PDB file of N, CA and C in Angstrom:
ATOM      1  N   UNK A   1       0.882  -1.063   0.180  1.00  0.00           N
ATOM      2  CA  UNK A   1       0.085  -0.114  -0.126  1.00  0.00           C
ATOM      3  C   UNK A   1       0.847   1.184  -0.095  1.00  0.00           C
ATOM      4  N   UNK A   2       0.650   2.145  -0.884  1.00  0.00           N
ATOM      5  CA  UNK A   2       1.351   3.312  -0.777  1.00  0.00           C
ATOM      6  C   UNK A   2       0.456   4.724  -0.545  1.00  0.00           C
ATOM      7  N   UNK A   3       1.052   5.216   0.337  1.00  0.00           N
ATOM      8  CA  UNK A   3       0.217   6.386   1.017  1.00  0.00           C
ATOM      9  C   UNK A   3      -0.146   7.555  -0.392  1.00  0.00           C
ATOM     10  N   UNK A   4      -1.174   8.263   0.037  1.00  0.00           N
ATOM     11  CA  UNK A   4      -1.411   9.389  -1.163  1.00  0.00           C
ATOM     12  C   UNK A   4      -0.332  10.620  -1.066  1.00  0.00           C
ATOM     13  N   UNK A   5       0.318  10.805   0.046  1.00  0.00           N
ATOM     14  CA  UNK A   5       1.289  11.754   0.277  1.00  0.00           C
ATOM     15  C   UNK A   5       2.542  11.381  -0.732  1.00  0.00           C
ATOM     16  N   UNK A   6       2.908  10.154  -0.459  1.00  0.00           N
ATOM     17  CA  UNK A   6       3.964   9.589  -1.361  1.00  0.00           C
ATOM     18  C   UNK A   6       3.537   9.454  -2.842  1.00  0.00           C
ATOM     19  N   UNK A   7       2.496   8.937  -3.098  1.00  0.00           N
ATOM     20  CA  UNK A   7       2.024   9.226  -4.640  1.00  0.00           C
ATOM     21  C   UNK A   7       2.057  10.774  -5.070  1.00  0.00           C
ATOM     22  N   UNK A   8       1.561  11.599  -4.211  1.00  0.00           N
ATOM     23  CA  UNK A   8       1.737  13.192  -4.560  1.00  0.00           C
ATOM     24  C   UNK A   8       3.181  13.671  -5.113  1.00  0.00           C
ATOM     25  N   UNK A   9       3.667  13.002  -4.026  1.00  0.00           N
ATOM     26  CA  UNK A   9       4.972  13.614  -4.367  1.00  0.00           C
ATOM     27  C   UNK A   9       5.875  12.750  -5.559  1.00  0.00           C
ATOM     28  N   UNK A  10       5.754  11.599  -6.006  1.00  0.00           N
ATOM     29  CA  UNK A  10       6.092  11.189  -7.188  1.00  0.00           C
ATOM     30  C   UNK A  10       5.648  11.632  -8.246  1.00  0.00           C
ATOM     31  N   UNK A  11       4.224  12.260  -8.187  1.00  0.00           N
ATOM     32  CA  UNK A  11       3.334  12.391  -9.499  1.00  0.00           C
ATOM     33  C   UNK A  11       3.844  14.016  -9.593  1.00  0.00           C
ATOM     34  N   UNK A  12       3.890  14.952  -8.544  1.00  0.00           N
ATOM     35  CA  UNK A  12       3.790  16.318  -8.757  1.00  0.00           C
ATOM     36  C   UNK A  12       5.272  16.929  -7.931  1.00  0.00           C
ATOM     37  N   UNK A  13       5.917  16.054  -7.435  1.00  0.00           N
ATOM     38  CA  UNK A  13       7.062  16.752  -6.816  1.00  0.00           C
ATOM     39  C   UNK A  13       7.142  16.931  -5.566  1.00  0.00           C
ATOM     40  N   UNK A  14       7.947  16.953  -4.745  1.00  0.00           N
ATOM     41  CA  UNK A  14       7.863  17.575  -3.420  1.00  0.00           C
ATOM     42  C   UNK A  14       7.639  18.975  -3.306  1.00  0.00           C
ATOM     43  N   UNK A  15       7.263  19.004  -1.876  1.00  0.00           N
ATOM     44  CA  UNK A  15       6.565  20.257  -1.497  1.00  0.00           C
ATOM     45  C   UNK A  15       8.006  21.479  -1.870  1.00  0.00           C
ATOM     46  N   UNK A  16       7.310  22.477  -2.217  1.00  0.00           N
ATOM     47  CA  UNK A  16       8.349  23.231  -2.400  1.00  0.00           C
ATOM     48  C   UNK A  16       8.895  23.439  -4.439  1.00  0.00           C
ATOM     49  N   UNK A  17       8.594  22.353  -5.098  1.00  0.00           N
ATOM     50  CA  UNK A  17       9.078  22.269  -6.197  1.00  0.00           C
ATOM     51  C   UNK A  17       8.160  22.988  -7.016  1.00  0.00           C
ATOM     52  N   UNK A  18       8.484  23.592  -8.425  1.00  0.00           N
ATOM     53  CA  UNK A  18       7.633  24.550  -8.930  1.00  0.00           C
ATOM     54  C   UNK A  18       6.354  23.828  -9.709  1.00  0.00           C
ATOM     55  N   UNK A  19       6.472  22.511 -10.037  1.00  0.00           N
ATOM     56  CA  UNK A  19       5.197  21.643 -10.087  1.00  0.00           C
ATOM     57  C   UNK A  19       4.471  21.175  -9.197  1.00  0.00           C
ATOM     58  N   UNK A  20       5.017  20.959  -7.900  1.00  0.00           N
ATOM     59  CA  UNK A  20       3.944  21.079  -6.646  1.00  0.00           C
ATOM     60  C   UNK A  20       3.255  22.139  -6.826  1.00  0.00           C
ATOM     61  N   UNK A  21       4.335  23.449  -6.764  1.00  0.00           N
ATOM     62  CA  UNK A  21       3.451  24.733  -6.063  1.00  0.00           C
ATOM     63  C   UNK A  21       2.249  24.983  -7.051  1.00  0.00           C
ATOM     64  N   UNK A  22       2.731  24.659  -8.287  1.00  0.00           N
ATOM     65  CA  UNK A  22       1.589  25.146  -9.554  1.00  0.00           C
ATOM     66  C   UNK A  22       0.481  24.318  -9.123  1.00  0.00           C
ATOM     67  N   UNK A  23       0.811  22.580  -9.208  1.00  0.00           N
ATOM     68  CA  UNK A  23      -0.357  22.035  -8.861  1.00  0.00           C
ATOM     69  C   UNK A  23      -1.590  22.447  -7.531  1.00  0.00           C
ATOM     70  N   UNK A  24      -0.865  22.927  -6.640  1.00  0.00           N
ATOM     71  CA  UNK A  24      -1.322  23.383  -5.325  1.00  0.00           C
ATOM     72  C   UNK A  24      -2.340  24.418  -5.636  1.00  0.00           C
ATOM     73  N   UNK A  25      -1.541  25.403  -6.328  1.00  0.00           N
ATOM     74  CA  UNK A  25      -1.804  26.986  -6.757  1.00  0.00           C
ATOM     75  C   UNK A  25      -3.444  26.364  -7.387  1.00  0.00           C
ATOM     76  N   UNK A  26      -3.241  25.626  -8.610  1.00  0.00           N
ATOM     77  CA  UNK A  26      -4.603  25.394  -9.285  1.00  0.00           C
ATOM     78  C   UNK A  26      -5.517  24.761  -8.265  1.00  0.00           C
ATOM     79  N   UNK A  27      -5.191  23.955  -7.660  1.00  0.00           N
ATOM     80  CA  UNK A  27      -6.005  23.130  -6.901  1.00  0.00           C
ATOM     81  C   UNK A  27      -7.028  24.237  -5.784  1.00  0.00           C
ATOM     82  N   UNK A  28      -6.225  25.384  -5.470  1.00  0.00           N
ATOM     83  CA  UNK A  28      -6.698  26.372  -4.417  1.00  0.00           C
ATOM     84  C   UNK A  28      -7.622  27.307  -5.348  1.00  0.00           C
ATOM     85  N   UNK A  29      -7.193  27.452  -6.599  1.00  0.00           N
ATOM     86  CA  UNK A  29      -8.223  28.277  -7.088  1.00  0.00           C
ATOM     87  C   UNK A  29      -9.667  27.696  -7.775  1.00  0.00           C
ATOM     88  N   UNK A  30      -9.275  26.175  -7.768  1.00  0.00           N
ATOM     89  CA  UNK A  30     -10.722  25.531  -8.369  1.00  0.00           C
ATOM     90  C   UNK A  30     -11.330  25.578  -6.971  1.00  0.00           C
ATOM     91  N   UNK A  31     -10.772  25.487  -5.727  1.00  0.00           N
ATOM     92  CA  UNK A  31     -11.892  25.506  -4.462  1.00  0.00           C
ATOM     93  C   UNK A  31     -12.185  26.601  -4.002  1.00  0.00           C
ATOM     94  N   UNK A  32     -11.507  27.666  -4.562  1.00  0.00           N
ATOM     95  CA  UNK A  32     -12.230  28.743  -4.294  1.00  0.00           C
ATOM     96  C   UNK A  32     -13.411  29.386  -5.299  1.00  0.00           C
ATOM     97  N   UNK A  33     -13.168  28.825  -6.488  1.00  0.00           N
ATOM     98  CA  UNK A  33     -13.931  29.122  -7.452  1.00  0.00           C
ATOM     99  C   UNK A  33     -15.530  28.385  -7.188  1.00  0.00           C
ATOM    100  N   UNK A  34     -15.172  27.071  -6.484  1.00  0.00           N
ATOM    101  CA  UNK A  34     -16.412  26.405  -6.139  1.00  0.00           C
ATOM    102  C   UNK A  34     -17.290  26.982  -5.140  1.00  0.00           C
ATOM    103  N   UNK A  35     -16.539  27.614  -4.191  1.00  0.00           N
ATOM    104  CA  UNK A  35     -17.447  28.012  -3.113  1.00  0.00           C
ATOM    105  C   UNK A  35     -17.650  29.746  -3.486  1.00  0.00           C
ATOM    106  N   UNK A  36     -17.122  30.426  -4.346  1.00  0.00           N
ATOM    107  CA  UNK A  36     -18.111  31.103  -4.620  1.00  0.00           C
ATOM    108  C   UNK A  36     -18.883  31.077  -5.601  1.00  0.00           C
ATOM    109  N   UNK A  37     -19.071  30.010  -6.346  1.00  0.00           N
ATOM    110  CA  UNK A  37     -20.285  29.523  -7.127  1.00  0.00           C
ATOM    111  C   UNK A  37     -21.232  29.364  -6.264  1.00  0.00           C
ATOM    112  N   UNK A  38     -21.017  28.381  -5.361  1.00  0.00           N
ATOM    113  CA  UNK A  38     -21.978  27.986  -4.448  1.00  0.00           C
ATOM    114  C   UNK A  38     -22.568  29.220  -3.667  1.00  0.00           C
ATOM    115  N   UNK A  39     -21.951  30.495  -3.313  1.00  0.00           N
ATOM    116  CA  UNK A  39     -22.827  31.425  -2.829  1.00  0.00           C
ATOM    117  C   UNK A  39     -23.579  32.068  -3.596  1.00  0.00           C
ATOM    118  N   UNK A  40     -22.985  32.103  -4.939  1.00  0.00           N
ATOM    119  CA  UNK A  40     -24.171  33.014  -5.997  1.00  0.00           C
ATOM    120  C   UNK A  40     -25.277  31.932  -6.295  1.00  0.00           C
ATOM    121  N   UNK A  41     -24.977  30.614  -6.089  1.00  0.00           N
ATOM    122  CA  UNK A  41     -26.243  29.641  -6.445  1.00  0.00           C
ATOM    123  C   UNK A  41     -27.288  29.609  -5.507  1.00  0.00           C
ATOM    124  N   UNK A  42     -26.911  29.548  -3.978  1.00  0.00           N
ATOM    125  CA  UNK A  42     -27.667  30.218  -2.861  1.00  0.00           C
ATOM    126  C   UNK A  42     -27.933  31.137  -2.839  1.00  0.00           C
ATOM    127  N   UNK A  43     -27.889  32.272  -3.160  1.00  0.00           N
ATOM    128  CA  UNK A  43     -28.250  33.637  -3.223  1.00  0.00           C
ATOM    129  C   UNK A  43     -29.403  33.569  -4.291  1.00  0.00           C
ATOM    130  N   UNK A  44     -29.171  33.011  -5.352  1.00  0.00           N
ATOM    131  CA  UNK A  44     -29.812  33.459  -6.672  1.00  0.00           C
ATOM    132  C   UNK A  44     -31.168  32.432  -5.951  1.00  0.00           C
ATOM    133  N   UNK A  45     -30.980  31.023  -6.035  1.00  0.00           N
ATOM    134  CA  UNK A  45     -32.133  30.463  -5.513  1.00  0.00           C
ATOM    135  C   UNK A  45     -33.159  31.014  -4.442  1.00  0.00           C
ATOM    136  N   UNK A  46     -32.325  31.523  -3.505  1.00  0.00           N
ATOM    137  CA  UNK A  46     -33.160  32.150  -2.235  1.00  0.00           C
ATOM    138  C   UNK A  46     -34.159  33.428  -2.584  1.00  0.00           C
ATOM    139  N   UNK A  47     -33.677  33.721  -3.935  1.00  0.00           N
ATOM    140  CA  UNK A  47     -34.329  34.818  -4.558  1.00  0.00           C
ATOM    141  C   UNK A  47     -35.344  34.575  -5.458  1.00  0.00           C
ATOM    142  N   UNK A  48     -35.310  33.207  -5.686  1.00  0.00           N
ATOM    143  CA  UNK A  48     -35.993  32.759  -6.861  1.00  0.00           C
ATOM    144  C   UNK A  48     -35.768  33.247  -8.220  1.00  0.00           C
ATOM    145  N   UNK A  49     -34.341  33.661  -8.356  1.00  0.00           N
ATOM    146  CA  UNK A  49     -34.040  33.809  -9.680  1.00  0.00           C
ATOM    147  C   UNK A  49     -33.736  32.859 -10.533  1.00  0.00           C
ATOM    148  N   UNK A  50     -34.039  33.020 -12.102  1.00  0.00           N
ATOM    149  CA  UNK A  50     -33.445  32.017 -12.753  1.00  0.00           C
ATOM    150  C   UNK A  50     -31.905  32.483 -13.334  1.00  0.00           C
ATOM    151  N   UNK A  51     -31.024  31.412 -13.696  1.00  0.00           N
ATOM    152  CA  UNK A  51     -29.984  31.596 -14.234  1.00  0.00           C
ATOM    153  C   UNK A  51     -29.975  32.609 -15.348  1.00  0.00           C
ATOM    154  N   UNK A  52     -31.014  32.270 -16.089  1.00  0.00           N
ATOM    155  CA  UNK A  52     -31.184  33.213 -17.131  1.00  0.00           C
ATOM    156  C   UNK A  52     -31.280  34.712 -17.044  1.00  0.00           C
ATOM    157  N   UNK A  53     -32.239  35.018 -15.684  1.00  0.00           N
ATOM    158  CA  UNK A  53     -32.880  36.584 -15.026  1.00  0.00           C
ATOM    159  C   UNK A  53     -31.222  36.989 -14.689  1.00  0.00           C
ATOM    160  N   UNK A  54     -30.517  35.997 -13.918  1.00  0.00           N
ATOM    161  CA  UNK A  54     -29.648  36.617 -13.290  1.00  0.00           C
ATOM    162  C   UNK A  54     -28.335  37.185 -14.613  1.00  0.00           C
ATOM    163  N   UNK A  55     -28.422  36.211 -15.300  1.00  0.00           N
ATOM    164  CA  UNK A  55     -27.604  36.735 -16.528  1.00  0.00           C
ATOM    165  C   UNK A  55     -27.998  37.816 -17.069  1.00  0.00           C
ATOM    166  N   UNK A  56     -29.185  38.060 -17.309  1.00  0.00           N
ATOM    167  CA  UNK A  56     -29.588  39.285 -18.128  1.00  0.00           C
ATOM    168  C   UNK A  56     -29.453  40.806 -17.172  1.00  0.00           C
ATOM    169  N   UNK A  57     -29.711  40.640 -16.224  1.00  0.00           N
ATOM    170  CA  UNK A  57     -29.167  41.792 -15.101  1.00  0.00           C
ATOM    171  C   UNK A  57     -27.642  41.972 -14.823  1.00  0.00           C
ATOM    172  N   UNK A  58     -26.922  41.054 -15.129  1.00  0.00           N
ATOM    173  CA  UNK A  58     -25.269  41.299 -14.769  1.00  0.00           C
ATOM    174  C   UNK A  58     -24.648  41.442 -16.379  1.00  0.00           C
ATOM    175  N   UNK A  59     -25.518  41.057 -17.706  1.00  0.00           N
ATOM    176  CA  UNK A  59     -25.000  41.201 -18.883  1.00  0.00           C
ATOM    177  C   UNK A  59     -23.941  39.918 -19.317  1.00  0.00           C
ATOM    178  N   UNK A  60     -24.503  38.994 -18.968  1.00  0.00           N
ATOM    179  CA  UNK A  60     -24.013  37.750 -19.528  1.00  0.00           C
ATOM    180  C   UNK A  60     -24.654  36.900 -19.876  1.00  0.00           C
ATOM    181  N   UNK A  61     -24.144  35.670 -20.214  1.00  0.00           N
ATOM    182  CA  UNK A  61     -25.003  34.710 -20.893  1.00  0.00           C
ATOM    183  C   UNK A  61     -25.421  33.591 -19.441  1.00  0.00           C
ATOM    184  N   UNK A  62     -26.643  32.880 -19.625  1.00  0.00           N
ATOM    185  CA  UNK A  62     -26.870  32.129 -18.792  1.00  0.00           C
ATOM    186  C   UNK A  62     -26.021  30.787 -18.540  1.00  0.00           C
ATOM    187  N   UNK A  63     -25.248  30.747 -19.619  1.00  0.00           N
ATOM    188  CA  UNK A  63     -24.092  29.453 -19.536  1.00  0.00           C
ATOM    189  C   UNK A  63     -22.755  29.821 -18.849  1.00  0.00           C
ATOM    190  N   UNK A  64     -22.450  31.253 -18.761  1.00  0.00           N
ATOM    191  CA  UNK A  64     -21.512  31.544 -17.831  1.00  0.00           C
ATOM    192  C   UNK A  64     -22.344  31.613 -16.411  1.00  0.00           C
ATOM    193  N   UNK A  65     -23.330  32.090 -16.180  1.00  0.00           N
ATOM    194  CA  UNK A  65     -23.646  31.858 -14.764  1.00  0.00           C
ATOM    195  C   UNK A  65     -23.934  30.425 -14.248  1.00  0.00           C
ATOM    196  N   UNK A  66     -24.057  29.441 -14.945  1.00  0.00           N
ATOM    197  CA  UNK A  66     -23.939  28.103 -14.768  1.00  0.00           C
ATOM    198  C   UNK A  66     -22.627  27.749 -14.682  1.00  0.00           C
ATOM    199  N   UNK A  67     -21.649  28.194 -15.227  1.00  0.00           N
ATOM    200  CA  UNK A  67     -20.342  27.489 -15.392  1.00  0.00           C
ATOM    201  C   UNK A  67     -19.846  28.367 -13.886  1.00  0.00           C
ATOM    202  N   UNK A  68     -19.997  29.668 -13.645  1.00  0.00           N
ATOM    203  CA  UNK A  68     -19.863  30.080 -12.316  1.00  0.00           C
ATOM    204  C   UNK A  68     -19.923  29.730 -11.255  1.00  0.00           C
ATOM    205  N   UNK A  69     -21.005  28.822 -11.197  1.00  0.00           N
ATOM    206  CA  UNK A  69     -22.151  28.272 -10.068  1.00  0.00           C
ATOM    207  C   UNK A  69     -21.407  26.964  -9.733  1.00  0.00           C
ATOM    208  N   UNK A  70     -20.973  26.368 -10.961  1.00  0.00           N
ATOM    209  CA  UNK A  70     -20.442  25.075 -10.940  1.00  0.00           C
ATOM    210  C   UNK A  70     -18.983  25.264 -10.602  1.00  0.00           C
ATOM    211  N   UNK A  71     -18.445  26.376 -10.559  1.00  0.00           N
ATOM    212  CA  UNK A  71     -17.121  26.619 -10.070  1.00  0.00           C
ATOM    213  C   UNK A  71     -15.992  25.824 -11.132  1.00  0.00           C
ATOM    214  N   UNK A  72     -16.385  26.338 -12.752  1.00  0.00           N
ATOM    215  CA  UNK A  72     -16.104  25.744 -13.810  1.00  0.00           C
ATOM    216  C   UNK A  72     -15.253  26.852 -14.530  1.00  0.00           C
ATOM    217  N   UNK A  73     -15.503  28.161 -13.757  1.00  0.00           N
ATOM    218  CA  UNK A  73     -14.699  29.381 -14.617  1.00  0.00           C
ATOM    219  C   UNK A  73     -14.264  30.064 -13.337  1.00  0.00           C
ATOM    220  N   UNK A  74     -13.118  30.705 -13.518  1.00  0.00           N
ATOM    221  CA  UNK A  74     -12.736  31.677 -12.354  1.00  0.00           C
ATOM    222  C   UNK A  74     -13.123  32.994 -12.756  1.00  0.00           C
ATOM    223  N   UNK A  75     -13.937  33.446 -11.526  1.00  0.00           N
ATOM    224  CA  UNK A  75     -14.533  34.768 -11.824  1.00  0.00           C
ATOM    225  C   UNK A  75     -13.558  36.115 -11.341  1.00  0.00           C
ATOM    226  N   UNK A  76     -14.103  36.881 -12.075  1.00  0.00           N
ATOM    227  CA  UNK A  76     -13.128  38.158 -12.010  1.00  0.00           C
ATOM    228  C   UNK A  76     -13.971  39.060 -11.084  1.00  0.00           C
ATOM    229  N   UNK A  77     -13.056  39.973 -10.366  1.00  0.00           N
ATOM    230  CA  UNK A  77     -13.543  41.049  -9.515  1.00  0.00           C
ATOM    231  C   UNK A  77     -14.770  41.693 -10.182  1.00  0.00           C
ATOM    232  N   UNK A  78     -14.571  42.333 -11.036  1.00  0.00           N
ATOM    233  CA  UNK A  78     -15.519  43.108 -11.774  1.00  0.00           C
ATOM    234  C   UNK A  78     -16.846  42.293 -12.107  1.00  0.00           C
ATOM    235  N   UNK A  79     -16.940  41.295 -12.410  1.00  0.00           N
ATOM    236  CA  UNK A  79     -17.711  40.137 -12.715  1.00  0.00           C
ATOM    237  C   UNK A  79     -18.263  39.938 -11.447  1.00  0.00           C
ATOM    238  N   UNK A  80     -17.778  39.405 -10.338  1.00  0.00           N
ATOM    239  CA  UNK A  80     -17.981  39.075  -9.208  1.00  0.00           C
ATOM    240  C   UNK A  80     -18.994  40.218  -8.474  1.00  0.00           C
ATOM    241  N   UNK A  81     -18.461  41.415  -8.661  1.00  0.00           N
ATOM    242  CA  UNK A  81     -18.966  42.770  -8.163  1.00  0.00           C
ATOM    243  C   UNK A  81     -20.682  42.839  -8.799  1.00  0.00           C
ATOM    244  N   UNK A  82     -20.241  42.883 -10.313  1.00  0.00           N
ATOM    245  CA  UNK A  82     -21.785  43.041 -10.948  1.00  0.00           C
ATOM    246  C   UNK A  82     -22.874  41.718 -10.373  1.00  0.00           C
ATOM    247  N   UNK A  83     -22.297  40.753 -10.393  1.00  0.00           N
ATOM    248  CA  UNK A  83     -23.284  39.529  -9.804  1.00  0.00           C
ATOM    249  C   UNK A  83     -24.025  39.784  -8.500  1.00  0.00           C
ATOM    250  N   UNK A  84     -23.136  40.089  -7.388  1.00  0.00           N
ATOM    251  CA  UNK A  84     -23.500  40.029  -6.264  1.00  0.00           C
ATOM    252  C   UNK A  84     -24.199  41.482  -6.148  1.00  0.00           C
ATOM    253  N   UNK A  85     -24.164  42.305  -6.498  1.00  0.00           N
ATOM    254  CA  UNK A  85     -24.808  43.807  -6.690  1.00  0.00           C
ATOM    255  C   UNK A  85     -26.116  43.382  -7.151  1.00  0.00           C
ATOM    256  N   UNK A  86     -26.134  42.742  -8.656  1.00  0.00           N
ATOM    257  CA  UNK A  86     -27.679  42.104  -8.755  1.00  0.00           C
ATOM    258  C   UNK A  86     -28.574  41.185  -7.946  1.00  0.00           C
ATOM    259  N   UNK A  87     -27.783  40.717  -7.164  1.00  0.00           N
ATOM    260  CA  UNK A  87     -28.602  39.752  -6.130  1.00  0.00           C
ATOM    261  C   UNK A  87     -28.452  40.691  -4.887  1.00  0.00           C
ATOM    262  N   UNK A  88     -28.163  41.907  -4.636  1.00  0.00           N
ATOM    263  CA  UNK A  88     -28.675  42.719  -3.781  1.00  0.00           C
ATOM    264  C   UNK A  88     -27.284  43.093  -2.972  1.00  0.00           C
ATOM    265  N   UNK A  89     -26.097  42.343  -2.896  1.00  0.00           N
ATOM    266  CA  UNK A  89     -25.279  42.551  -2.002  1.00  0.00           C
ATOM    267  C   UNK A  89     -24.767  43.954  -2.348  1.00  0.00           C
ATOM    268  N   UNK A  90     -24.843  45.223  -1.446  1.00  0.00           N
ATOM    269  CA  UNK A  90     -24.552  46.412  -1.824  1.00  0.00           C
ATOM    270  C   UNK A  90     -23.049  46.838  -1.298  1.00  0.00           C
ATOM    271  N   UNK A  91     -22.297  46.106  -0.341  1.00  0.00           N
ATOM    272  CA  UNK A  91     -20.860  46.310  -0.193  1.00  0.00           C
ATOM    273  C   UNK A  91     -20.273  44.794   0.156  1.00  0.00           C
ATOM    274  N   UNK A  92     -18.978  45.122  -0.089  1.00  0.00           N
ATOM    275  CA  UNK A  92     -18.251  43.551   0.205  1.00  0.00           C
ATOM    276  C   UNK A  92     -16.897  44.134   0.237  1.00  0.00           C
ATOM    277  N   UNK A  93     -16.106  43.613   0.938  1.00  0.00           N
ATOM    278  CA  UNK A  93     -14.717  43.730   1.759  1.00  0.00           C
ATOM    279  C   UNK A  93     -13.777  42.611   1.425  1.00  0.00           C
ATOM    280  N   UNK A  94     -12.697  42.930   1.189  1.00  0.00           N
ATOM    281  CA  UNK A  94     -11.552  41.655   0.943  1.00  0.00           C
ATOM    282  C   UNK A  94     -10.849  41.929   2.214  1.00  0.00           C
ATOM    283  N   UNK A  95     -10.657  40.633   3.183  1.00  0.00           N
ATOM    284  CA  UNK A  95     -10.046  40.422   4.651  1.00  0.00           C
ATOM    285  C   UNK A  95      -8.267  40.376   4.086  1.00  0.00           C
ATOM    286  N   UNK A  96      -7.746  41.407   4.196  1.00  0.00           N
ATOM    287  CA  UNK A  96      -6.151  41.125   3.876  1.00  0.00           C
ATOM    288  C   UNK A  96      -5.453  40.570   5.388  1.00  0.00           C
ATOM    289  N   UNK A  97      -6.047  40.213   6.229  1.00  0.00           N
ATOM    290  CA  UNK A  97      -5.110  39.676   7.601  1.00  0.00           C
ATOM    291  C   UNK A  97      -4.939  40.903   8.585  1.00  0.00           C
ATOM    292  N   UNK A  98      -3.621  40.956   8.618  1.00  0.00           N
ATOM    293  CA  UNK A  98      -2.705  41.990   9.140  1.00  0.00           C
ATOM    294  C   UNK A  98      -2.726  43.406   8.390  1.00  0.00           C
ATOM    295  N   UNK A  99      -3.065  43.208   6.977  1.00  0.00           N
ATOM    296  CA  UNK A  99      -3.039  44.458   6.182  1.00  0.00           C
ATOM    297  C   UNK A  99      -4.383  44.924   6.065  1.00  0.00           C
ATOM    298  N   UNK A 100      -5.619  44.588   6.765  1.00  0.00           N
ATOM    299  CA  UNK A 100      -6.766  45.059   7.052  1.00  0.00           C
ATOM    300  C   UNK A 100      -7.674  44.577   5.969  1.00  0.00           C
ATOM    301  N   UNK A 101      -8.732  45.436   5.787  1.00  0.00           N
ATOM    302  CA  UNK A 101      -9.960  45.017   5.254  1.00  0.00           C
ATOM    303  C   UNK A 101      -9.819  45.924   3.691  1.00  0.00           C
ATOM    304  N   UNK A 102      -9.970  45.982   2.660  1.00  0.00           N
ATOM    305  CA  UNK A 102     -10.436  46.554   1.602  1.00  0.00           C
ATOM    306  C   UNK A 102     -11.640  46.570   0.919  1.00  0.00           C
ATOM    307  N   UNK A 103     -12.335  47.694   0.804  1.00  0.00           N
ATOM    308  CA  UNK A 103     -13.769  47.885   0.174  1.00  0.00           C
ATOM    309  C   UNK A 103     -13.522  47.251  -1.176  1.00  0.00           C
ATOM    310  N   UNK A 104     -14.710  46.121  -1.659  1.00  0.00           N
ATOM    311  CA  UNK A 104     -14.498  45.651  -3.491  1.00  0.00           C
ATOM    312  C   UNK A 104     -15.457  46.596  -3.913  1.00  0.00           C
ATOM    313  N   UNK A 105     -16.768  46.958  -3.526  1.00  0.00           N
ATOM    314  CA  UNK A 105     -17.751  47.976  -3.924  1.00  0.00           C
ATOM    315  C   UNK A 105     -18.463  48.389  -2.776  1.00  0.00           C
TER     316      UNK A 105
END
């Protein structure tokens, strides 16, 4: 039996190598995209808005809303702003830890 850590090291390299860092960064982006998509979907459904209607409010196609909700597309800050404002989120901030909070919109 081989451990997952050993297999990961064999396939992507040890921690700190360029290949391993790239894989871990890509995985983090995908996880973040999933959670943002879930937030969009939950807020949209709570307001009984279809993907098509949200897309019209934002100025994108229904397919783009679907991809974002599934975490299949990385969302840009301008698009995130338009979507959440269309869902009634009037302010948002980014917590930078010791750097403080930055207003996004």
